[in-house]
Amino acid sequence: MSSEVLENLLKKDIHEDTWEWWKSHLYFLRQDQDFYEAEAVFKEFSMYKSRPCEFDS
């Protein structure tokens, strides 16, 4: 594999791990009824997720 292919795979893994981390973090905040923090995390992630990413397609 070329270094470019490996780099793209690494970026995809990081993107997927970040997505899973945000979802689990939001879930735990909601379970703890920390709704203000959950809303802030949701809004921050929504801005992050709304940026175009080649891995979303």
PDB file of N, CA and C in Angstrom:
ATOM      1  N   MET A   1       0.839  -1.191   0.000  1.00  0.00           N
ATOM      2  CA  MET A   1       0.000   0.000   0.000  1.00  0.00           C
ATOM      3  C   MET A   1       0.877   1.246   0.000  1.00  0.00           C
ATOM      4  N   SER A   2       0.405   2.225  -0.701  1.00  0.00           N
ATOM      5  CA  SER A   2       1.155   3.480  -0.735  1.00  0.00           C
ATOM      6  C   SER A   2       0.931   4.255   0.561  1.00  0.00           C
ATOM      7  N   SER A   3       1.804   5.177   0.817  1.00  0.00           N
ATOM      8  CA  SER A   3       1.672   5.981   2.038  1.00  0.00           C
ATOM      9  C   SER A   3       0.410   6.839   1.998  1.00  0.00           C
ATOM     10  N   GLU A   4      -0.005   7.248   0.798  1.00  0.00           N
ATOM     11  CA  GLU A   4      -1.235   8.045   0.677  1.00  0.00           C
ATOM     12  C   GLU A   4      -2.461   7.221   1.071  1.00  0.00           C
ATOM     13  N   VAL A   5      -2.497   5.971   0.647  1.00  0.00           N
ATOM     14  CA  VAL A   5      -3.613   5.086   1.001  1.00  0.00           C
ATOM     15  C   VAL A   5      -3.632   4.854   2.509  1.00  0.00           C
ATOM     16  N   LEU A   6      -2.473   4.592   3.085  1.00  0.00           N
ATOM     17  CA  LEU A   6      -2.393   4.385   4.533  1.00  0.00           C
ATOM     18  C   LEU A   6      -2.819   5.631   5.300  1.00  0.00           C
ATOM     19  N   GLU A   7      -2.401   6.790   4.816  1.00  0.00           N
ATOM     20  CA  GLU A   7      -2.783   8.042   5.469  1.00  0.00           C
ATOM     21  C   GLU A   7      -4.298   8.247   5.411  1.00  0.00           C
ATOM     22  N   ASN A   8      -4.910   7.958   4.273  1.00  0.00           N
ATOM     23  CA  ASN A   8      -6.366   8.089   4.151  1.00  0.00           C
ATOM     24  C   ASN A   8      -7.095   7.113   5.063  1.00  0.00           C
ATOM     25  N   LEU A   9      -6.588   5.892   5.191  1.00  0.00           N
ATOM     26  CA  LEU A   9      -7.197   4.921   6.104  1.00  0.00           C
ATOM     27  C   LEU A   9      -7.092   5.396   7.550  1.00  0.00           C
ATOM     28  N   LEU A  10      -5.952   5.949   7.917  1.00  0.00           N
ATOM     29  CA  LEU A  10      -5.767   6.472   9.269  1.00  0.00           C
ATOM     30  C   LEU A  10      -6.727   7.623   9.540  1.00  0.00           C
ATOM     31  N   LYS A  11      -6.866   8.534   8.575  1.00  0.00           N
ATOM     32  CA  LYS A  11      -7.793   9.655   8.742  1.00  0.00           C
ATOM     33  C   LYS A  11      -9.223   9.160   8.899  1.00  0.00           C
ATOM     34  N   LYS A  12      -9.589   8.140   8.135  1.00  0.00           N
ATOM     35  CA  LYS A  12     -10.941   7.586   8.234  1.00  0.00           C
ATOM     36  C   LYS A  12     -11.157   6.970   9.613  1.00  0.00           C
ATOM     37  N   ASP A  13     -10.176   6.215  10.114  1.00  0.00           N
ATOM     38  CA  ASP A  13     -10.288   5.625  11.448  1.00  0.00           C
ATOM     39  C   ASP A  13     -10.429   6.697  12.519  1.00  0.00           C
ATOM     40  N   ILE A  14      -9.647   7.758  12.422  1.00  0.00           N
ATOM     41  CA  ILE A  14      -9.730   8.854  13.394  1.00  0.00           C
ATOM     42  C   ILE A  14     -11.103   9.504  13.327  1.00  0.00           C
ATOM     43  N   HIS A  15     -11.604   9.724  12.119  1.00  0.00           N
ATOM     44  CA  HIS A  15     -12.928  10.336  11.943  1.00  0.00           C
ATOM     45  C   HIS A  15     -14.013   9.462  12.581  1.00  0.00           C
ATOM     46  N   GLU A  16     -13.964   8.150  12.336  1.00  0.00           N
ATOM     47  CA  GLU A  16     -14.963   7.241  12.896  1.00  0.00           C
ATOM     48  C   GLU A  16     -14.848   7.158  14.411  1.00  0.00           C
ATOM     49  N   ASP A  17     -13.622   7.122  14.945  1.00  0.00           N
ATOM     50  CA  ASP A  17     -13.432   7.089  16.395  1.00  0.00           C
ATOM     51  C   ASP A  17     -13.954   8.361  17.046  1.00  0.00           C
ATOM     52  N   THR A  18     -13.720   9.505  16.404  1.00  0.00           N
ATOM     53  CA  THR A  18     -14.214  10.776  16.937  1.00  0.00           C
ATOM     54  C   THR A  18     -15.729  10.777  16.987  1.00  0.00           C
ATOM     55  N   TRP A  19     -16.361  10.306  15.923  1.00  0.00           N
ATOM     56  CA  TRP A  19     -17.824  10.225  15.864  1.00  0.00           C
ATOM     57  C   TRP A  19     -18.354   9.348  16.994  1.00  0.00           C
ATOM     58  N   GLU A  20     -17.752   8.190  17.210  1.00  0.00           N
ATOM     59  CA  GLU A  20     -18.194   7.284  18.279  1.00  0.00           C
ATOM     60  C   GLU A  20     -17.972   7.913  19.654  1.00  0.00           C
ATOM     61  N   TRP A  21     -16.851   8.612  19.841  1.00  0.00           N
ATOM     62  CA  TRP A  21     -16.576   9.246  21.125  1.00  0.00           C
ATOM     63  C   TRP A  21     -17.628  10.304  21.427  1.00  0.00           C
ATOM     64  N   TRP A  22     -17.950  11.147  20.435  1.00  0.00           N
ATOM     65  CA  TRP A  22     -18.945  12.196  20.654  1.00  0.00           C
ATOM     66  C   TRP A  22     -20.304  11.599  20.990  1.00  0.00           C
ATOM     67  N   LYS A  23     -20.713  10.558  20.289  1.00  0.00           N
ATOM     68  CA  LYS A  23     -22.013   9.933  20.558  1.00  0.00           C
ATOM     69  C   LYS A  23     -22.056   9.368  21.971  1.00  0.00           C
ATOM     70  N   SER A  24     -21.004   8.671  22.383  1.00  0.00           N
ATOM     71  CA  SER A  24     -21.002   8.088  23.723  1.00  0.00           C
ATOM     72  C   SER A  24     -20.925   9.167  24.799  1.00  0.00           C
ATOM     73  N   HIS A  25     -20.161  10.221  24.553  1.00  0.00           N
ATOM     74  CA  HIS A  25     -20.057  11.322  25.516  1.00  0.00           C
ATOM     75  C   HIS A  25     -21.420  11.992  25.710  1.00  0.00           C
ATOM     76  N   LEU A  26     -22.104  12.238  24.619  1.00  0.00           N
ATOM     77  CA  LEU A  26     -23.436  12.838  24.682  1.00  0.00           C
ATOM     78  C   LEU A  26     -24.413  11.927  25.420  1.00  0.00           C
ATOM     79  N   TYR A  27     -24.343  10.638  25.174  1.00  0.00           N
ATOM     80  CA  TYR A  27     -25.210   9.668  25.848  1.00  0.00           C
ATOM     81  C   TYR A  27     -24.996   9.711  27.365  1.00  0.00           C
ATOM     82  N   PHE A  28     -23.738   9.688  27.810  1.00  0.00           N
ATOM     83  CA  PHE A  28     -23.462   9.705  29.248  1.00  0.00           C
ATOM     84  C   PHE A  28     -23.896  11.011  29.901  1.00  0.00           C
ATOM     85  N   LEU A  29     -23.716  12.121  29.209  1.00  0.00           N
ATOM     86  CA  LEU A  29     -24.174  13.401  29.761  1.00  0.00           C
ATOM     87  C   LEU A  29     -25.688  13.407  29.927  1.00  0.00           C
ATOM     88  N   ARG A  30     -26.389  12.874  28.959  1.00  0.00           N
ATOM     89  CA  ARG A  30     -27.855  12.824  29.048  1.00  0.00           C
ATOM     90  C   ARG A  30     -28.292  11.873  30.159  1.00  0.00           C
ATOM     91  N   GLN A  31     -27.580  10.759  30.339  1.00  0.00           N
ATOM     92  CA  GLN A  31     -27.913   9.822  31.407  1.00  0.00           C
ATOM     93  C   GLN A  31     -27.717  10.464  32.781  1.00  0.00           C
ATOM     94  N   ASP A  32     -26.697  11.303  32.898  1.00  0.00           N
ATOM     95  CA  ASP A  32     -26.436  12.015  34.157  1.00  0.00           C
ATOM     96  C   ASP A  32     -27.322  13.242  34.318  1.00  0.00           C
ATOM     97  N   GLN A  33     -28.193  13.474  33.352  1.00  0.00           N
ATOM     98  CA  GLN A  33     -29.104  14.614  33.311  1.00  0.00           C
ATOM     99  C   GLN A  33     -28.352  15.945  33.358  1.00  0.00           C
ATOM    100  N   ASP A  34     -27.194  15.960  32.744  1.00  0.00           N
ATOM    101  CA  ASP A  34     -26.419  17.190  32.596  1.00  0.00           C
ATOM    102  C   ASP A  34     -26.785  17.789  31.237  1.00  0.00           C
ATOM    103  N   PHE A  35     -28.005  18.308  31.170  1.00  0.00           N
ATOM    104  CA  PHE A  35     -28.570  18.713  29.890  1.00  0.00           C
ATOM    105  C   PHE A  35     -27.886  19.941  29.291  1.00  0.00           C
ATOM    106  N   TYR A  36     -27.415  20.851  30.135  1.00  0.00           N
ATOM    107  CA  TYR A  36     -26.730  22.034  29.608  1.00  0.00           C
ATOM    108  C   TYR A  36     -25.425  21.632  28.919  1.00  0.00           C
ATOM    109  N   GLU A  37     -24.670  20.766  29.569  1.00  0.00           N
ATOM    110  CA  GLU A  37     -23.416  20.299  28.968  1.00  0.00           C
ATOM    111  C   GLU A  37     -23.695  19.447  27.726  1.00  0.00           C
ATOM    112  N   ALA A  38     -24.731  18.622  27.789  1.00  0.00           N
ATOM    113  CA  ALA A  38     -25.096  17.798  26.629  1.00  0.00           C
ATOM    114  C   ALA A  38     -25.469  18.676  25.440  1.00  0.00           C
ATOM    115  N   GLU A  39     -26.203  19.750  25.699  1.00  0.00           N
ATOM    116  CA  GLU A  39     -26.578  20.660  24.615  1.00  0.00           C
ATOM    117  C   GLU A  39     -25.339  21.338  24.027  1.00  0.00           C
ATOM    118  N   ALA A  40     -24.413  21.741  24.893  1.00  0.00           N
ATOM    119  CA  ALA A  40     -23.185  22.383  24.411  1.00  0.00           C
ATOM    120  C   ALA A  40     -22.361  21.412  23.566  1.00  0.00           C
ATOM    121  N   VAL A  41     -22.254  20.171  24.013  1.00  0.00           N
ATOM    122  CA  VAL A  41     -21.516  19.158  23.256  1.00  0.00           C
ATOM    123  C   VAL A  41     -22.198  18.910  21.917  1.00  0.00           C
ATOM    124  N   PHE A  42     -23.523  18.818  21.939  1.00  0.00           N
ATOM    125  CA  PHE A  42     -24.271  18.586  20.703  1.00  0.00           C
ATOM    126  C   PHE A  42     -24.041  19.717  19.706  1.00  0.00           C
ATOM    127  N   LYS A  43     -24.129  20.957  20.195  1.00  0.00           N
ATOM    128  CA  LYS A  43     -23.937  22.104  19.296  1.00  0.00           C
ATOM    129  C   LYS A  43     -22.514  22.141  18.747  1.00  0.00           C
ATOM    130  N   GLU A  44     -21.535  21.865  19.596  1.00  0.00           N
ATOM    131  CA  GLU A  44     -20.145  21.855  19.138  1.00  0.00           C
ATOM    132  C   GLU A  44     -19.942  20.764  18.089  1.00  0.00           C
ATOM    133  N   PHE A  45     -20.487  19.588  18.344  1.00  0.00           N
ATOM    134  CA  PHE A  45     -20.319  18.495  17.400  1.00  0.00           C
ATOM    135  C   PHE A  45     -21.075  18.757  16.108  1.00  0.00           C
ATOM    136  N   SER A  46     -22.238  19.393  16.197  1.00  0.00           N
ATOM    137  CA  SER A  46     -23.016  19.699  14.996  1.00  0.00           C
ATOM    138  C   SER A  46     -22.225  20.608  14.064  1.00  0.00           C
ATOM    139  N   MET A  47     -21.506  21.562  14.633  1.00  0.00           N
ATOM    140  CA  MET A  47     -20.674  22.439  13.801  1.00  0.00           C
ATOM    141  C   MET A  47     -19.550  21.634  13.162  1.00  0.00           C
ATOM    142  N   TYR A  48     -18.961  20.724  13.941  1.00  0.00           N
ATOM    143  CA  TYR A  48     -17.878  19.883  13.434  1.00  0.00           C
ATOM    144  C   TYR A  48     -18.392  18.962  12.332  1.00  0.00           C
ATOM    145  N   LYS A  49     -19.532  18.351  12.566  1.00  0.00           N
ATOM    146  CA  LYS A  49     -20.079  17.371  11.635  1.00  0.00           C
ATOM    147  C   LYS A  49     -20.614  18.028  10.370  1.00  0.00           C
ATOM    148  N   SER A  50     -20.990  19.297  10.442  1.00  0.00           N
ATOM    149  CA  SER A  50     -21.566  19.961   9.275  1.00  0.00           C
ATOM    150  C   SER A  50     -20.512  20.326   8.232  1.00  0.00           C
ATOM    151  N   ARG A  51     -19.243  20.284   8.621  1.00  0.00           N
ATOM    152  CA  ARG A  51     -18.187  20.551   7.639  1.00  0.00           C
ATOM    153  C   ARG A  51     -18.092  19.372   6.680  1.00  0.00           C
ATOM    154  N   PRO A  52     -17.895  19.636   5.401  1.00  0.00           N
ATOM    155  CA  PRO A  52     -17.785  18.535   4.442  1.00  0.00           C
ATOM    156  C   PRO A  52     -16.573  17.657   4.740  1.00  0.00           C
ATOM    157  N   CYS A  53     -16.769  16.375   4.598  1.00  0.00           N
ATOM    158  CA  CYS A  53     -15.686  15.433   4.843  1.00  0.00           C
ATOM    159  C   CYS A  53     -15.753  14.346   3.781  1.00  0.00           C
ATOM    160  N   GLU A  54     -14.615  14.008   3.242  1.00  0.00           N
ATOM    161  CA  GLU A  54     -14.584  13.011   2.174  1.00  0.00           C
ATOM    162  C   GLU A  54     -14.995  11.628   2.654  1.00  0.00           C
ATOM    163  N   PHE A  55     -14.979  11.384   3.974  1.00  0.00           N
ATOM    164  CA  PHE A  55     -15.299  10.061   4.499  1.00  0.00           C
ATOM    165  C   PHE A  55     -16.789   9.867   4.718  1.00  0.00           C
ATOM    166  N   ASP A  56     -17.584  10.942   4.662  1.00  0.00           N
ATOM    167  CA  ASP A  56     -19.019  10.844   4.890  1.00  0.00           C
ATOM    168  C   ASP A  56     -19.764  10.296   3.684  1.00  0.00           C
ATOM    169  N   SER A  57     -19.175  10.360   2.527  1.00  0.00           N
ATOM    170  CA  SER A  57     -19.881   9.914   1.328  1.00  0.00           C
ATOM    171  C   SER A  57     -19.707   8.434   1.084  1.00  0.00           C
TER     172      SER A  57
END
